[in-house]
Amino acid sequence: MAEFPPHVLREYALIADGERGALIGPRGDITWMCAPRWHSGAVFATLIGGGGVYAVTPVELFVWGGYYEAGSLIWRSHWITADGRIECREALAMPGDAGTAAPGPARRIRWWGVFLIGLGLWILSVIVTAITGNINTVPSIVLLGSFEKLF
């Protein structure tokens, strides 16, 4: 198991969801997290020499960086290695029940809504392709439809 010694506090990122928070270290390690609430016991506490760790870390040597997505507590860690760049998007999701650390049950999918939207995108793809004669627009139309909020 990899060692995760503490860094200076300014190198940690805070992610939170209103019920709990976590500190993400420069190696992608969650070094502090209390769950299911802010005042609960620590699940991960390596920041202060305690136990428990969860990490997404490159195996080889890397240069670390990261930033928050605008207007959010979503942290994007990135590491540059000899082989390329690795990026990890980290956030906590507000659970359905404030007493748990996991999200609530999944909502039921309305299959007919998904079917009708898919059918509509297919018809739109056929019309645009017939008008323009350009089949390269089909992936763009399908991608555009994937941003719809279905549920």
Protein backbone atom coordinates (compact mmCIF):
# COMPACT_ATOMS: atom_id res chain seq x y z
CA MET A 1 0.00 0.00 0.00
CA ALA A 2 1.27 3.49 -0.85
CA GLU A 3 2.24 5.90 1.91
CA PHE A 4 0.40 9.22 2.13
CA PRO A 5 2.35 11.54 4.45
CA PRO A 6 0.68 14.90 5.21
CA HIS A 7 1.32 17.94 3.02
CA VAL A 8 0.89 21.61 3.85
CA LEU A 9 -2.80 22.46 4.31
CA ARG A 10 -2.98 24.76 1.26
CA GLU A 11 -2.40 21.73 -1.01
CA TYR A 12 -5.68 20.09 0.02
CA ALA A 13 -9.04 20.62 -1.66
CA LEU A 14 -12.38 20.60 0.17
CA ILE A 15 -15.35 18.86 -1.39
CA ALA A 16 -18.71 18.95 0.39
CA ASP A 17 -22.41 18.28 -0.14
CA GLY A 18 -24.05 20.09 2.77
CA GLU A 19 -24.12 17.03 5.04
CA ARG A 20 -20.44 16.06 5.06
CA GLY A 21 -17.11 17.15 3.66
CA ALA A 22 -13.81 15.60 2.65
CA LEU A 23 -10.27 16.82 2.06
CA ILE A 24 -8.52 15.63 -1.10
CA GLY A 25 -4.71 15.54 -1.00
CA PRO A 26 -2.35 16.25 -3.89
CA ARG A 27 -1.93 12.53 -4.60
CA GLY A 28 -5.69 12.05 -5.00
CA ASP A 29 -6.05 10.66 -1.50
CA ILE A 30 -9.07 11.43 0.68
CA THR A 31 -7.23 12.35 3.85
CA TRP A 32 -10.17 13.44 6.00
CA MET A 33 -13.86 12.64 5.86
CA CYS A 34 -16.47 12.41 8.60
CA ALA A 35 -19.62 10.46 7.74
CA PRO A 36 -22.53 10.43 7.75
CA ARG A 37 -22.49 14.02 9.20
CA TRP A 38 -19.90 16.76 9.84
CA HIS A 39 -19.78 15.94 13.55
CA SER A 40 -19.58 12.13 13.07
CA GLY A 41 -16.44 10.05 13.47
CA ALA A 42 -13.79 10.15 10.77
CA VAL A 43 -13.96 7.45 8.11
CA PHE A 44 -10.67 8.63 6.59
CA ALA A 45 -8.17 10.35 8.90
CA THR A 46 -4.67 10.04 7.43
CA LEU A 47 -4.33 13.83 7.61
CA ILE A 48 -3.83 13.50 11.38
CA GLY A 49 -2.11 10.11 11.37
CA GLY A 50 -5.29 8.03 11.64
CA GLY A 51 -6.46 5.11 9.55
CA GLY A 52 -8.52 4.67 6.44
CA VAL A 53 -7.56 5.88 3.00
CA TYR A 54 -9.08 6.04 -0.46
CA ALA A 55 -6.84 7.23 -3.27
CA VAL A 56 -6.76 7.61 -7.02
CA THR A 57 -3.05 8.09 -7.66
CA PRO A 58 -0.69 7.59 -10.60
CA VAL A 59 1.80 4.76 -10.04
CA GLU A 60 4.75 6.56 -11.63
CA LEU A 61 6.31 9.94 -10.83
CA PHE A 62 4.01 12.89 -11.52
CA VAL A 63 3.54 16.64 -11.29
CA TRP A 64 0.31 17.51 -9.49
CA GLY A 65 -2.26 20.25 -10.02
CA GLY A 66 -5.95 20.88 -9.71
CA TYR A 67 -8.78 23.40 -9.72
CA TYR A 68 -12.42 23.84 -8.72
CA GLU A 69 -15.07 23.91 -11.42
CA ALA A 70 -16.54 27.41 -11.56
CA GLY A 71 -19.13 28.10 -8.87
CA SER A 72 -18.93 24.64 -7.29
CA LEU A 73 -17.16 22.40 -4.82
CA ILE A 74 -16.29 19.95 -7.58
CA TRP A 75 -12.52 19.43 -7.62
CA ARG A 76 -10.56 18.35 -10.68
CA SER A 77 -7.22 16.78 -9.80
CA HIS A 78 -4.76 16.35 -12.61
CA TRP A 79 -1.37 14.73 -12.79
CA ILE A 80 1.22 14.91 -15.55
CA THR A 81 3.38 11.81 -15.91
CA ALA A 82 5.99 10.73 -18.43
CA ASP A 83 3.24 8.90 -20.33
CA GLY A 84 0.57 11.60 -20.37
CA ARG A 85 -2.00 13.52 -18.36
CA ILE A 86 -4.49 12.01 -15.92
CA GLU A 87 -7.55 13.88 -14.66
CA CYS A 88 -10.01 12.92 -11.93
CA ARG A 89 -13.25 14.77 -11.12
CA GLU A 90 -14.12 14.55 -7.42
CA ALA A 91 -17.33 15.57 -5.66
CA LEU A 92 -19.72 14.45 -2.94
CA ALA A 93 -23.34 13.88 -3.96
CA MET A 94 -26.12 15.01 -1.65
CA PRO A 95 -27.71 11.77 -0.39
CA GLY A 96 -31.44 11.12 -0.29
CA ASP A 97 -31.25 10.50 3.48
CA ALA A 98 -29.16 12.86 5.63
CA GLY A 99 -28.22 9.96 7.95
CA THR A 100 -26.37 7.99 5.28
CA ALA A 101 -23.19 8.52 3.28
CA ALA A 102 -24.63 6.97 0.11
CA PRO A 103 -27.10 8.57 -2.33
CA GLY A 104 -30.76 7.64 -2.04
CA PRO A 105 -32.44 5.03 -4.23
CA ALA A 106 -32.36 5.52 -7.97
CA ARG A 107 -35.47 6.96 -9.53
CA ARG A 108 -37.53 4.79 -11.82
CA ILE A 109 -36.75 5.33 -15.49
CA ARG A 110 -39.67 6.14 -17.76
CA TRP A 111 -38.76 3.89 -20.69
CA TRP A 112 -41.26 5.49 -23.02
CA GLY A 113 -39.72 8.94 -22.48
CA VAL A 114 -36.27 7.61 -23.35
CA PHE A 115 -37.72 5.80 -26.37
CA LEU A 116 -39.54 8.90 -27.68
CA ILE A 117 -36.50 11.14 -27.28
CA GLY A 118 -34.31 8.55 -29.03
CA LEU A 119 -36.85 8.23 -31.83
CA GLY A 120 -37.02 12.02 -32.17
CA LEU A 121 -33.23 12.26 -32.42
CA TRP A 122 -33.16 9.51 -35.02
CA ILE A 123 -35.81 11.27 -37.14
CA LEU A 124 -33.94 14.58 -36.77
CA SER A 125 -30.71 12.85 -37.86
CA VAL A 126 -32.41 11.42 -40.97
CA ILE A 127 -33.91 14.83 -41.91
CA VAL A 128 -30.66 16.76 -41.40
CA THR A 129 -28.66 14.14 -43.32
CA ALA A 130 -31.18 14.20 -46.19
CA ILE A 131 -31.16 18.01 -46.38
CA THR A 132 -27.41 18.55 -46.05
CA GLY A 133 -26.06 15.28 -47.45
CA ASN A 134 -23.53 15.37 -44.61
CA ILE A 135 -23.48 12.28 -42.40
CA ASN A 136 -20.93 13.91 -40.07
CA THR A 137 -23.71 15.86 -38.33
CA VAL A 138 -25.35 12.69 -36.94
CA PRO A 139 -22.97 12.30 -33.95
CA SER A 140 -23.44 15.99 -33.10
CA ILE A 141 -27.23 15.65 -33.06
CA VAL A 142 -27.08 12.53 -30.88
CA LEU A 143 -24.60 14.22 -28.52
CA LEU A 144 -26.85 17.28 -28.28
CA GLY A 145 -29.73 15.04 -27.23
CA SER A 146 -27.67 13.41 -24.47
CA PHE A 147 -27.76 16.71 -22.54
CA GLU A 148 -31.53 16.57 -22.12
CA LYS A 149 -32.80 16.04 -18.57
CA LEU A 150 -35.04 13.02 -18.92
CA PHE A 151 -36.16 12.33 -15.38
